[in-house]
Amino acid sequence: MKTSIARSRLRNAIVFFAKNTESCGKIKLFKLLYMLDFEHFRQTGKSVTGFEYQAWKFGPVPVELMQEWEDFEDDLKAVVEIVPERVIDYTRLAVKVRKNVEFDADDFTGRQMTILHDLCEKYLTTQSPKMIDVTHEQNGAWDKVWANGRGAQKEIPYLLALADDADNRSLILELASEAKGYSHPVANGGY
């Protein structure tokens, strides 16, 4: 179960992405949330939403949100709706912010806001197929777990957000360890 602040961040991140990017459907939203969490972990040792992501064929999937997708909890229903939109040869499940709903930045740090803004700027007009390409980069976190299908539906450890030779790797591992309540970093990267 998510903490209330993690749930509030999730709700507001969805509102932010839906309001500040074009063509924000399920796939694009899942990719943006993944990039938000993994970039924040890379910088701080903590995710923003607290989601676990699994390696699925079309990329990383926040399993908890996927399970809720067909029938959002009341808090998500109050801020967004899923609207089928016909796009040339398929139907996108577009994420639309409900009327009079505003983004609330109160639960976000300055760093988190910077990442949110950077992602929206970078992927403003990017369509879902290109978003899949972004999260499927060779030797990226998803690719390492997916392993040509052998890692299907396996967890993508946040530790994979860190390059093996990152200057701040030890510090981030220590911060991640503290955030999880461990006295020492988990050797296999199972954060």
N, C-alpha and C. Protein backbone atom coordinates (compact mmCIF):
# COMPACT_ATOMS: atom_id res chain seq x y z
N MET A 1 0.84 -1.18 0.00
CA MET A 1 0.00 0.00 0.00
C MET A 1 0.88 1.25 0.00
N LYS A 2 0.56 2.18 -0.82
CA LYS A 2 1.32 3.42 -0.94
C LYS A 2 1.05 4.34 0.25
N THR A 3 2.07 5.12 0.59
CA THR A 3 1.86 6.15 1.59
C THR A 3 0.99 7.23 0.95
N SER A 4 0.38 8.04 1.78
CA SER A 4 -0.49 9.08 1.23
C SER A 4 0.30 10.08 0.40
N ILE A 5 1.55 10.37 0.78
CA ILE A 5 2.34 11.31 -0.02
C ILE A 5 2.72 10.69 -1.36
N ALA A 6 3.07 9.40 -1.38
CA ALA A 6 3.40 8.74 -2.65
C ALA A 6 2.17 8.71 -3.56
N ARG A 7 1.02 8.46 -2.98
CA ARG A 7 -0.22 8.43 -3.77
C ARG A 7 -0.53 9.83 -4.30
N SER A 8 -0.35 10.84 -3.49
CA SER A 8 -0.57 12.21 -3.92
C SER A 8 0.40 12.60 -5.04
N ARG A 9 1.66 12.19 -4.90
CA ARG A 9 2.64 12.46 -5.96
C ARG A 9 2.24 11.75 -7.24
N LEU A 10 1.79 10.51 -7.14
CA LEU A 10 1.35 9.79 -8.32
C LEU A 10 0.21 10.53 -9.00
N ARG A 11 -0.78 10.88 -8.25
CA ARG A 11 -1.96 11.57 -8.78
C ARG A 11 -1.53 12.86 -9.49
N ASN A 12 -0.69 13.64 -8.84
CA ASN A 12 -0.28 14.91 -9.41
C ASN A 12 0.70 14.75 -10.56
N ALA A 13 1.53 13.72 -10.54
CA ALA A 13 2.42 13.46 -11.68
C ALA A 13 1.58 13.11 -12.91
N ILE A 14 0.54 12.32 -12.73
CA ILE A 14 -0.35 11.97 -13.85
C ILE A 14 -1.02 13.23 -14.39
N VAL A 15 -1.52 14.08 -13.51
CA VAL A 15 -2.14 15.34 -13.93
C VAL A 15 -1.12 16.18 -14.68
N PHE A 16 0.09 16.28 -14.15
CA PHE A 16 1.13 17.10 -14.77
C PHE A 16 1.46 16.61 -16.18
N PHE A 17 1.70 15.30 -16.31
CA PHE A 17 2.04 14.74 -17.62
C PHE A 17 0.88 14.89 -18.61
N ALA A 18 -0.34 14.65 -18.15
CA ALA A 18 -1.51 14.76 -19.04
C ALA A 18 -1.73 16.20 -19.50
N LYS A 19 -1.45 17.15 -18.64
CA LYS A 19 -1.65 18.57 -19.00
C LYS A 19 -0.51 19.14 -19.83
N ASN A 20 0.69 18.58 -19.68
CA ASN A 20 1.87 19.21 -20.25
C ASN A 20 2.55 18.44 -21.37
N THR A 21 1.90 17.39 -21.86
CA THR A 21 2.39 16.69 -23.04
C THR A 21 1.21 16.44 -23.98
N GLU A 22 1.53 16.24 -25.23
CA GLU A 22 0.50 15.89 -26.21
C GLU A 22 0.43 14.38 -26.33
N SER A 23 -0.72 13.88 -26.71
CA SER A 23 -0.90 12.44 -26.96
C SER A 23 -0.53 11.59 -25.75
N CYS A 24 -0.96 12.00 -24.59
CA CYS A 24 -0.62 11.25 -23.37
C CYS A 24 -1.62 10.12 -23.17
N GLY A 25 -1.23 8.97 -23.64
CA GLY A 25 -2.04 7.78 -23.44
C GLY A 25 -1.38 6.88 -22.41
N LYS A 26 -1.90 5.70 -22.28
CA LYS A 26 -1.42 4.75 -21.28
C LYS A 26 0.07 4.46 -21.44
N ILE A 27 0.50 4.14 -22.65
CA ILE A 27 1.90 3.79 -22.87
C ILE A 27 2.81 4.96 -22.56
N LYS A 28 2.48 6.13 -23.09
CA LYS A 28 3.32 7.30 -22.85
C LYS A 28 3.37 7.63 -21.35
N LEU A 29 2.24 7.58 -20.69
CA LEU A 29 2.20 7.86 -19.26
C LEU A 29 3.07 6.89 -18.48
N PHE A 30 2.95 5.60 -18.77
CA PHE A 30 3.76 4.60 -18.06
C PHE A 30 5.25 4.87 -18.26
N LYS A 31 5.64 5.25 -19.48
CA LYS A 31 7.06 5.53 -19.77
C LYS A 31 7.53 6.78 -19.02
N LEU A 32 6.68 7.82 -18.99
CA LEU A 32 7.06 9.04 -18.29
C LEU A 32 7.20 8.80 -16.79
N LEU A 33 6.31 8.03 -16.21
CA LEU A 33 6.42 7.71 -14.79
C LEU A 33 7.70 6.91 -14.50
N TYR A 34 8.00 5.97 -15.37
CA TYR A 34 9.23 5.17 -15.24
C TYR A 34 10.46 6.07 -15.30
N MET A 35 10.50 6.97 -16.27
CA MET A 35 11.65 7.85 -16.41
C MET A 35 11.75 8.80 -15.22
N LEU A 36 10.63 9.28 -14.72
CA LEU A 36 10.62 10.13 -13.53
C LEU A 36 11.22 9.38 -12.35
N ASP A 37 10.74 8.18 -12.10
CA ASP A 37 11.20 7.40 -10.96
C ASP A 37 12.67 7.01 -11.08
N PHE A 38 13.07 6.53 -12.25
CA PHE A 38 14.44 6.05 -12.41
C PHE A 38 15.45 7.20 -12.44
N GLU A 39 15.06 8.34 -13.02
CA GLU A 39 15.97 9.49 -13.01
C GLU A 39 16.11 10.04 -11.59
N HIS A 40 15.02 10.11 -10.86
CA HIS A 40 15.10 10.59 -9.49
C HIS A 40 15.91 9.63 -8.63
N PHE A 41 15.75 8.33 -8.84
CA PHE A 41 16.56 7.36 -8.11
C PHE A 41 18.03 7.53 -8.46
N ARG A 42 18.32 7.75 -9.74
CA ARG A 42 19.71 7.92 -10.17
C ARG A 42 20.36 9.10 -9.44
N GLN A 43 19.58 10.12 -9.17
CA GLN A 43 20.10 11.32 -8.52
C GLN A 43 20.08 11.26 -6.99
N THR A 44 19.13 10.51 -6.42
CA THR A 44 18.91 10.60 -4.97
C THR A 44 18.85 9.27 -4.23
N GLY A 45 18.69 8.17 -4.94
CA GLY A 45 18.53 6.88 -4.27
C GLY A 45 17.10 6.57 -3.88
N LYS A 46 16.13 7.41 -4.33
CA LYS A 46 14.72 7.19 -4.02
C LYS A 46 13.87 7.41 -5.26
N SER A 47 12.78 6.65 -5.37
CA SER A 47 11.83 6.90 -6.46
C SER A 47 10.85 7.98 -6.01
N VAL A 48 10.07 8.47 -6.93
CA VAL A 48 9.06 9.49 -6.62
C VAL A 48 7.75 8.83 -6.24
N THR A 49 7.32 7.84 -7.01
CA THR A 49 6.00 7.23 -6.80
C THR A 49 6.03 6.00 -5.90
N GLY A 50 7.19 5.38 -5.75
CA GLY A 50 7.28 4.15 -4.97
C GLY A 50 6.87 2.91 -5.74
N PHE A 51 6.64 3.06 -7.04
CA PHE A 51 6.22 1.93 -7.86
C PHE A 51 7.34 0.91 -8.05
N GLU A 52 6.93 -0.34 -8.21
CA GLU A 52 7.78 -1.39 -8.73
C GLU A 52 7.45 -1.47 -10.22
N TYR A 53 8.47 -1.56 -11.05
CA TYR A 53 8.28 -1.70 -12.49
C TYR A 53 8.73 -3.08 -12.91
N GLN A 54 7.97 -3.68 -13.81
CA GLN A 54 8.33 -4.97 -14.36
C GLN A 54 8.65 -4.82 -15.84
N ALA A 55 9.49 -5.73 -16.33
CA ALA A 55 9.86 -5.75 -17.75
C ALA A 55 8.79 -6.51 -18.52
N TRP A 56 8.01 -5.78 -19.31
CA TRP A 56 7.03 -6.38 -20.20
C TRP A 56 7.50 -6.14 -21.63
N LYS A 57 6.88 -6.82 -22.57
CA LYS A 57 7.32 -6.74 -23.97
C LYS A 57 7.46 -5.31 -24.48
N PHE A 58 6.51 -4.45 -24.18
CA PHE A 58 6.56 -3.08 -24.69
C PHE A 58 7.23 -2.11 -23.73
N GLY A 59 7.92 -2.64 -22.73
CA GLY A 59 8.69 -1.78 -21.85
C GLY A 59 8.34 -1.95 -20.39
N PRO A 60 8.85 -1.03 -19.58
CA PRO A 60 8.60 -1.09 -18.14
C PRO A 60 7.16 -0.74 -17.80
N VAL A 61 6.59 -1.51 -16.90
CA VAL A 61 5.19 -1.31 -16.52
C VAL A 61 5.09 -1.15 -15.00
N PRO A 62 4.45 -0.06 -14.55
CA PRO A 62 4.19 0.08 -13.11
C PRO A 62 3.01 -0.83 -12.77
N VAL A 63 3.33 -1.98 -12.24
CA VAL A 63 2.35 -3.05 -12.06
C VAL A 63 1.13 -2.60 -11.26
N GLU A 64 1.36 -1.89 -10.19
CA GLU A 64 0.26 -1.45 -9.33
C GLU A 64 -0.73 -0.56 -10.11
N LEU A 65 -0.20 0.34 -10.92
CA LEU A 65 -1.07 1.21 -11.72
C LEU A 65 -1.75 0.40 -12.83
N MET A 66 -1.04 -0.53 -13.41
CA MET A 66 -1.62 -1.38 -14.45
C MET A 66 -2.82 -2.16 -13.89
N GLN A 67 -2.69 -2.65 -12.67
CA GLN A 67 -3.78 -3.40 -12.05
C GLN A 67 -4.99 -2.51 -11.78
N GLU A 68 -4.75 -1.23 -11.59
CA GLU A 68 -5.82 -0.29 -11.29
C GLU A 68 -6.39 0.35 -12.56
N TRP A 69 -5.73 0.18 -13.67
CA TRP A 69 -6.04 0.93 -14.89
C TRP A 69 -7.50 0.85 -15.32
N GLU A 70 -8.10 -0.30 -15.29
CA GLU A 70 -9.47 -0.47 -15.76
C GLU A 70 -10.51 0.14 -14.82
N ASP A 71 -10.13 0.28 -13.56
CA ASP A 71 -11.06 0.82 -12.57
C ASP A 71 -10.26 1.58 -11.51
N PHE A 72 -9.96 2.85 -11.81
CA PHE A 72 -9.17 3.67 -10.90
C PHE A 72 -9.81 3.76 -9.52
N GLU A 73 -8.97 3.89 -8.52
CA GLU A 73 -9.44 4.21 -7.18
C GLU A 73 -10.09 5.60 -7.25
N ASP A 74 -10.89 5.93 -6.26
CA ASP A 74 -11.64 7.19 -6.26
C ASP A 74 -10.76 8.43 -6.42
N ASP A 75 -9.57 8.42 -5.80
CA ASP A 75 -8.71 9.60 -5.88
C ASP A 75 -8.25 9.88 -7.31
N LEU A 76 -7.95 8.83 -8.07
CA LEU A 76 -7.57 9.03 -9.48
C LEU A 76 -8.77 9.35 -10.34
N LYS A 77 -9.90 8.69 -10.07
CA LYS A 77 -11.13 8.98 -10.81
C LYS A 77 -11.52 10.45 -10.68
N ALA A 78 -11.19 11.05 -9.55
CA ALA A 78 -11.57 12.44 -9.30
C ALA A 78 -10.75 13.42 -10.13
N VAL A 79 -9.57 13.01 -10.61
CA VAL A 79 -8.71 13.96 -11.31
C VAL A 79 -8.53 13.66 -12.79
N VAL A 80 -8.62 12.39 -13.19
CA VAL A 80 -8.43 12.03 -14.61
C VAL A 80 -9.46 11.00 -15.06
N GLU A 81 -9.63 10.96 -16.36
CA GLU A 81 -10.45 9.92 -16.97
C GLU A 81 -9.71 9.39 -18.18
N ILE A 82 -10.02 8.16 -18.55
CA ILE A 82 -9.42 7.54 -19.72
C ILE A 82 -10.44 7.61 -20.85
N VAL A 83 -10.02 8.25 -21.94
CA VAL A 83 -10.92 8.49 -23.06
C VAL A 83 -10.34 7.83 -24.31
N PRO A 84 -11.06 6.89 -24.92
CA PRO A 84 -10.57 6.29 -26.17
C PRO A 84 -10.54 7.35 -27.28
N GLU A 85 -9.40 7.44 -27.97
CA GLU A 85 -9.24 8.37 -29.10
C GLU A 85 -8.74 7.59 -30.31
N ARG A 86 -9.42 7.75 -31.41
CA ARG A 86 -9.00 7.07 -32.64
C ARG A 86 -7.79 7.80 -33.21
N VAL A 87 -6.72 7.06 -33.45
CA VAL A 87 -5.50 7.60 -34.05
C VAL A 87 -5.17 6.73 -35.25
N ILE A 88 -5.32 7.27 -36.43
CA ILE A 88 -5.08 6.60 -37.72
C ILE A 88 -5.48 5.13 -37.71
N ASP A 89 -4.62 4.23 -37.17
CA ASP A 89 -4.91 2.80 -37.27
C ASP A 89 -5.08 2.09 -35.92
N TYR A 90 -5.24 2.86 -34.87
CA TYR A 90 -5.47 2.24 -33.56
C TYR A 90 -6.22 3.22 -32.66
N THR A 91 -6.61 2.74 -31.48
CA THR A 91 -7.30 3.58 -30.51
C THR A 91 -6.39 3.79 -29.31
N ARG A 92 -6.08 5.05 -29.04
CA ARG A 92 -5.27 5.40 -27.88
C ARG A 92 -6.19 5.58 -26.69
N LEU A 93 -5.77 5.07 -25.54
CA LEU A 93 -6.49 5.32 -24.30
C LEU A 93 -5.89 6.57 -23.69
N ALA A 94 -6.44 7.72 -24.07
CA ALA A 94 -5.88 9.02 -23.67
C ALA A 94 -6.22 9.34 -22.22
N VAL A 95 -5.24 9.88 -21.53
CA VAL A 95 -5.40 10.31 -20.15
C VAL A 95 -5.80 11.79 -20.20
N LYS A 96 -7.00 12.08 -19.75
CA LYS A 96 -7.53 13.44 -19.77
C LYS A 96 -7.80 13.93 -18.35
N VAL A 97 -7.35 15.14 -18.08
CA VAL A 97 -7.57 15.74 -16.76
C VAL A 97 -9.00 16.27 -16.72
N ARG A 98 -9.67 15.98 -15.64
CA ARG A 98 -11.05 16.44 -15.48
C ARG A 98 -11.09 17.96 -15.34
N LYS A 99 -12.22 18.51 -15.74
CA LYS A 99 -12.43 19.95 -15.68
C LYS A 99 -12.22 20.47 -14.26
N ASN A 100 -11.59 21.62 -14.17
CA ASN A 100 -11.32 22.31 -12.91
C ASN A 100 -10.31 21.62 -12.00
N VAL A 101 -9.61 20.61 -12.50
CA VAL A 101 -8.55 19.97 -11.71
C VAL A 101 -7.23 20.66 -12.04
N GLU A 102 -6.54 21.07 -11.01
CA GLU A 102 -5.25 21.74 -11.17
C GLU A 102 -4.14 20.88 -10.58
N PHE A 103 -2.97 21.00 -11.14
CA PHE A 103 -1.79 20.34 -10.61
C PHE A 103 -1.42 20.97 -9.27
N ASP A 104 -1.06 20.14 -8.29
CA ASP A 104 -0.66 20.61 -6.97
C ASP A 104 0.79 20.18 -6.73
N ALA A 105 1.69 21.15 -6.70
CA ALA A 105 3.12 20.87 -6.57
C ALA A 105 3.58 20.70 -5.13
N ASP A 106 2.68 20.81 -4.17
CA ASP A 106 3.07 20.82 -2.76
C ASP A 106 3.87 19.61 -2.30
N ASP A 107 3.60 18.43 -2.85
CA ASP A 107 4.28 17.22 -2.39
C ASP A 107 5.62 16.98 -3.09
N PHE A 108 5.97 17.81 -4.06
CA PHE A 108 7.19 17.60 -4.84
C PHE A 108 8.33 18.49 -4.37
N THR A 109 9.53 17.94 -4.44
CA THR A 109 10.73 18.73 -4.16
C THR A 109 11.09 19.53 -5.42
N GLY A 110 12.00 20.45 -5.27
CA GLY A 110 12.49 21.21 -6.42
C GLY A 110 13.10 20.29 -7.47
N ARG A 111 13.86 19.33 -7.03
CA ARG A 111 14.49 18.37 -7.96
C ARG A 111 13.43 17.59 -8.73
N GLN A 112 12.39 17.12 -8.03
CA GLN A 112 11.32 16.37 -8.68
C GLN A 112 10.60 17.24 -9.70
N MET A 113 10.37 18.50 -9.35
CA MET A 113 9.72 19.42 -10.30
C MET A 113 10.59 19.63 -11.54
N THR A 114 11.89 19.74 -11.34
CA THR A 114 12.80 19.90 -12.47
C THR A 114 12.73 18.70 -13.40
N ILE A 115 12.71 17.51 -12.82
CA ILE A 115 12.63 16.29 -13.65
C ILE A 115 11.29 16.25 -14.38
N LEU A 116 10.20 16.56 -13.69
CA LEU A 116 8.89 16.60 -14.35
C LEU A 116 8.90 17.56 -15.54
N HIS A 117 9.40 18.76 -15.33
CA HIS A 117 9.44 19.76 -16.41
C HIS A 117 10.34 19.30 -17.56
N ASP A 118 11.51 18.76 -17.22
CA ASP A 118 12.45 18.30 -18.26
C ASP A 118 11.84 17.19 -19.12
N LEU A 119 11.16 16.25 -18.47
CA LEU A 119 10.54 15.15 -19.22
C LEU A 119 9.44 15.67 -20.15
N CYS A 120 8.63 16.60 -19.65
CA CYS A 120 7.56 17.14 -20.49
C CYS A 120 8.12 17.94 -21.66
N GLU A 121 9.17 18.67 -21.41
CA GLU A 121 9.79 19.43 -22.49
C GLU A 121 10.39 18.50 -23.53
N LYS A 122 11.10 17.49 -23.07
CA LYS A 122 11.78 16.56 -23.99
C LYS A 122 10.79 15.70 -24.79
N TYR A 123 9.69 15.30 -24.16
CA TYR A 123 8.76 14.37 -24.79
C TYR A 123 7.39 14.99 -25.08
N LEU A 124 7.35 16.30 -25.18
CA LEU A 124 6.11 17.03 -25.39
C LEU A 124 5.26 16.43 -26.51
N THR A 125 5.82 16.23 -27.67
CA THR A 125 5.05 15.76 -28.83
C THR A 125 5.35 14.30 -29.20
N THR A 126 6.18 13.64 -28.43
CA THR A 126 6.57 12.27 -28.75
C THR A 126 5.38 11.32 -28.64
N GLN A 127 5.20 10.51 -29.66
CA GLN A 127 4.12 9.51 -29.69
C GLN A 127 4.57 8.22 -29.01
N SER A 128 3.63 7.38 -28.66
CA SER A 128 3.89 6.13 -27.94
C SER A 128 4.97 5.25 -28.58
N PRO A 129 4.96 5.02 -29.91
CA PRO A 129 6.00 4.15 -30.47
C PRO A 129 7.42 4.66 -30.19
N LYS A 130 7.61 5.95 -30.24
CA LYS A 130 8.93 6.52 -29.95
C LYS A 130 9.25 6.41 -28.46
N MET A 131 8.23 6.50 -27.62
CA MET A 131 8.44 6.34 -26.18
C MET A 131 8.91 4.92 -25.87
N ILE A 132 8.39 3.96 -26.61
CA ILE A 132 8.83 2.57 -26.45
C ILE A 132 10.32 2.48 -26.79
N ASP A 133 10.72 3.12 -27.90
CA ASP A 133 12.13 3.11 -28.29
C ASP A 133 13.02 3.68 -27.19
N VAL A 134 12.57 4.75 -26.56
CA VAL A 134 13.36 5.42 -25.51
C VAL A 134 13.61 4.47 -24.35
N THR A 135 12.59 3.79 -23.88
CA THR A 135 12.75 2.92 -22.71
C THR A 135 13.38 1.57 -23.06
N HIS A 136 13.53 1.28 -24.35
CA HIS A 136 14.13 0.02 -24.78
C HIS A 136 15.60 0.18 -25.16
N GLU A 137 16.22 1.29 -24.77
CA GLU A 137 17.61 1.52 -25.18
C GLU A 137 18.48 0.33 -24.81
N GLN A 138 19.42 0.03 -25.70
CA GLN A 138 20.31 -1.10 -25.49
C GLN A 138 21.11 -0.90 -24.21
N ASN A 139 21.17 -1.93 -23.40
CA ASN A 139 21.86 -1.94 -22.11
C ASN A 139 21.23 -1.01 -21.07
N GLY A 140 20.02 -0.53 -21.35
CA GLY A 140 19.28 0.24 -20.36
C GLY A 140 18.68 -0.72 -19.33
N ALA A 141 18.05 -0.18 -18.31
CA ALA A 141 17.51 -0.99 -17.22
C ALA A 141 16.50 -2.04 -17.73
N TRP A 142 15.55 -1.60 -18.57
CA TRP A 142 14.55 -2.55 -19.09
C TRP A 142 15.23 -3.64 -19.90
N ASP A 143 16.15 -3.26 -20.79
CA ASP A 143 16.83 -4.19 -21.68
C ASP A 143 17.61 -5.25 -20.89
N LYS A 144 18.26 -4.83 -19.83
CA LYS A 144 19.03 -5.78 -19.02
C LYS A 144 18.14 -6.82 -18.37
N VAL A 145 16.96 -6.42 -17.94
CA VAL A 145 16.05 -7.37 -17.30
C VAL A 145 15.28 -8.18 -18.34
N TRP A 146 14.80 -7.52 -19.38
CA TRP A 146 14.00 -8.18 -20.41
C TRP A 146 14.78 -9.33 -21.04
N ALA A 147 16.04 -9.07 -21.41
CA ALA A 147 16.95 -10.10 -21.93
C ALA A 147 16.28 -10.98 -23.00
N ASN A 148 15.77 -10.32 -24.03
CA ASN A 148 15.11 -11.03 -25.14
C ASN A 148 13.95 -11.90 -24.69
N GLY A 149 13.25 -11.46 -23.67
CA GLY A 149 12.06 -12.16 -23.20
C GLY A 149 12.29 -13.08 -22.02
N ARG A 150 13.54 -13.39 -21.72
CA ARG A 150 13.82 -14.30 -20.59
C ARG A 150 13.44 -13.67 -19.25
N GLY A 151 13.40 -12.33 -19.21
CA GLY A 151 13.07 -11.65 -17.97
C GLY A 151 11.66 -11.08 -17.96
N ALA A 152 10.80 -11.64 -18.80
CA ALA A 152 9.43 -11.14 -18.90
C ALA A 152 8.75 -11.13 -17.53
N GLN A 153 8.17 -10.00 -17.21
CA GLN A 153 7.43 -9.74 -15.98
C GLN A 153 8.29 -9.86 -14.72
N LYS A 154 9.58 -9.67 -14.88
CA LYS A 154 10.48 -9.62 -13.73
C LYS A 154 10.65 -8.17 -13.32
N GLU A 155 10.90 -7.95 -12.04
CA GLU A 155 11.11 -6.60 -11.52
C GLU A 155 12.36 -5.97 -12.13
N ILE A 156 12.27 -4.68 -12.43
CA ILE A 156 13.43 -3.92 -12.90
C ILE A 156 13.99 -3.20 -11.67
N PRO A 157 15.12 -3.66 -11.15
CA PRO A 157 15.67 -3.02 -9.94
C PRO A 157 16.08 -1.57 -10.21
N TYR A 158 15.73 -0.71 -9.29
CA TYR A 158 16.11 0.70 -9.42
C TYR A 158 17.62 0.87 -9.52
N LEU A 159 18.35 -0.04 -8.92
CA LEU A 159 19.81 0.04 -8.95
C LEU A 159 20.34 0.12 -10.38
N LEU A 160 19.59 -0.43 -11.33
CA LEU A 160 20.03 -0.40 -12.73
C LEU A 160 20.00 1.01 -13.32
N ALA A 161 19.45 1.96 -12.59
CA ALA A 161 19.47 3.36 -13.04
C ALA A 161 20.87 3.95 -12.88
N LEU A 162 21.69 3.31 -12.07
CA LEU A 162 23.04 3.81 -11.80
C LEU A 162 24.05 3.13 -12.71
N ALA A 163 24.88 3.92 -13.36
CA ALA A 163 25.97 3.35 -14.15
C ALA A 163 26.97 2.73 -13.18
N ASP A 164 27.58 1.63 -13.60
CA ASP A 164 28.55 0.95 -12.75
C ASP A 164 29.71 1.86 -12.36
N ASP A 165 30.03 2.82 -13.24
CA ASP A 165 31.16 3.71 -12.98
C ASP A 165 30.73 5.12 -12.56
N ALA A 166 29.49 5.27 -12.14
CA ALA A 166 28.99 6.59 -11.73
C ALA A 166 29.81 7.11 -10.54
N ASP A 167 30.20 8.38 -10.62
CA ASP A 167 31.01 8.99 -9.56
C ASP A 167 30.32 8.93 -8.20
N ASN A 168 29.01 9.09 -8.20
CA ASN A 168 28.27 9.14 -6.94
C ASN A 168 27.60 7.82 -6.57
N ARG A 169 28.01 6.74 -7.19
CA ARG A 169 27.36 5.44 -7.00
C ARG A 169 27.32 5.03 -5.52
N SER A 170 28.43 5.14 -4.82
CA SER A 170 28.47 4.73 -3.40
C SER A 170 27.51 5.56 -2.57
N LEU A 171 27.49 6.86 -2.80
CA LEU A 171 26.59 7.74 -2.06
C LEU A 171 25.13 7.39 -2.34
N ILE A 172 24.78 7.19 -3.60
CA ILE A 172 23.40 6.85 -3.96
C ILE A 172 23.00 5.51 -3.35
N LEU A 173 23.91 4.54 -3.37
CA LEU A 173 23.62 3.24 -2.76
C LEU A 173 23.38 3.39 -1.26
N GLU A 174 24.16 4.24 -0.62
CA GLU A 174 23.98 4.48 0.81
C GLU A 174 22.63 5.15 1.08
N LEU A 175 22.29 6.15 0.27
CA LEU A 175 21.00 6.84 0.42
C LEU A 175 19.83 5.88 0.18
N ALA A 176 19.97 5.05 -0.84
CA ALA A 176 18.91 4.06 -1.14
C ALA A 176 18.77 3.08 0.01
N SER A 177 19.89 2.68 0.56
CA SER A 177 19.87 1.77 1.69
C SER A 177 19.16 2.39 2.89
N GLU A 178 19.48 3.64 3.18
CA GLU A 178 18.83 4.34 4.29
C GLU A 178 17.33 4.50 4.04
N ALA A 179 16.97 4.80 2.81
CA ALA A 179 15.55 4.98 2.47
C ALA A 179 14.77 3.68 2.67
N LYS A 180 15.41 2.56 2.43
CA LYS A 180 14.75 1.27 2.59
C LYS A 180 14.86 0.72 4.00
N GLY A 181 15.69 1.38 4.83
CA GLY A 181 15.85 0.92 6.20
C GLY A 181 16.90 -0.16 6.36
N TYR A 182 17.76 -0.35 5.36
CA TYR A 182 18.83 -1.33 5.45
C TYR A 182 20.05 -0.68 6.09
N SER A 183 20.88 -1.48 6.69
CA SER A 183 22.12 -0.93 7.24
C SER A 183 23.21 -0.95 6.18
N HIS A 184 23.08 -1.82 5.19
CA HIS A 184 24.05 -1.90 4.11
C HIS A 184 23.31 -2.06 2.79
N PRO A 185 23.88 -1.54 1.68
CA PRO A 185 23.21 -1.72 0.39
C PRO A 185 23.03 -3.20 0.06
N VAL A 186 21.96 -3.51 -0.60
CA VAL A 186 21.69 -4.87 -1.04
C VAL A 186 22.64 -5.17 -2.20
N ALA A 187 23.42 -6.21 -2.07
CA ALA A 187 24.45 -6.53 -3.06
C ALA A 187 23.89 -6.78 -4.45
N ASN A 188 22.75 -7.44 -4.55
CA ASN A 188 22.22 -7.78 -5.88
C ASN A 188 21.40 -6.68 -6.48
N GLY A 189 21.30 -5.55 -5.80
CA GLY A 189 20.57 -4.41 -6.37
C GLY A 189 19.07 -4.55 -6.30
N GLY A 190 18.56 -5.32 -5.40
CA GLY A 190 17.12 -5.57 -5.34
C GLY A 190 16.31 -4.47 -4.69
N TYR A 191 16.63 -3.25 -4.92
CA TYR A 191 15.84 -2.16 -4.36
C TYR A 191 14.56 -2.03 -5.15
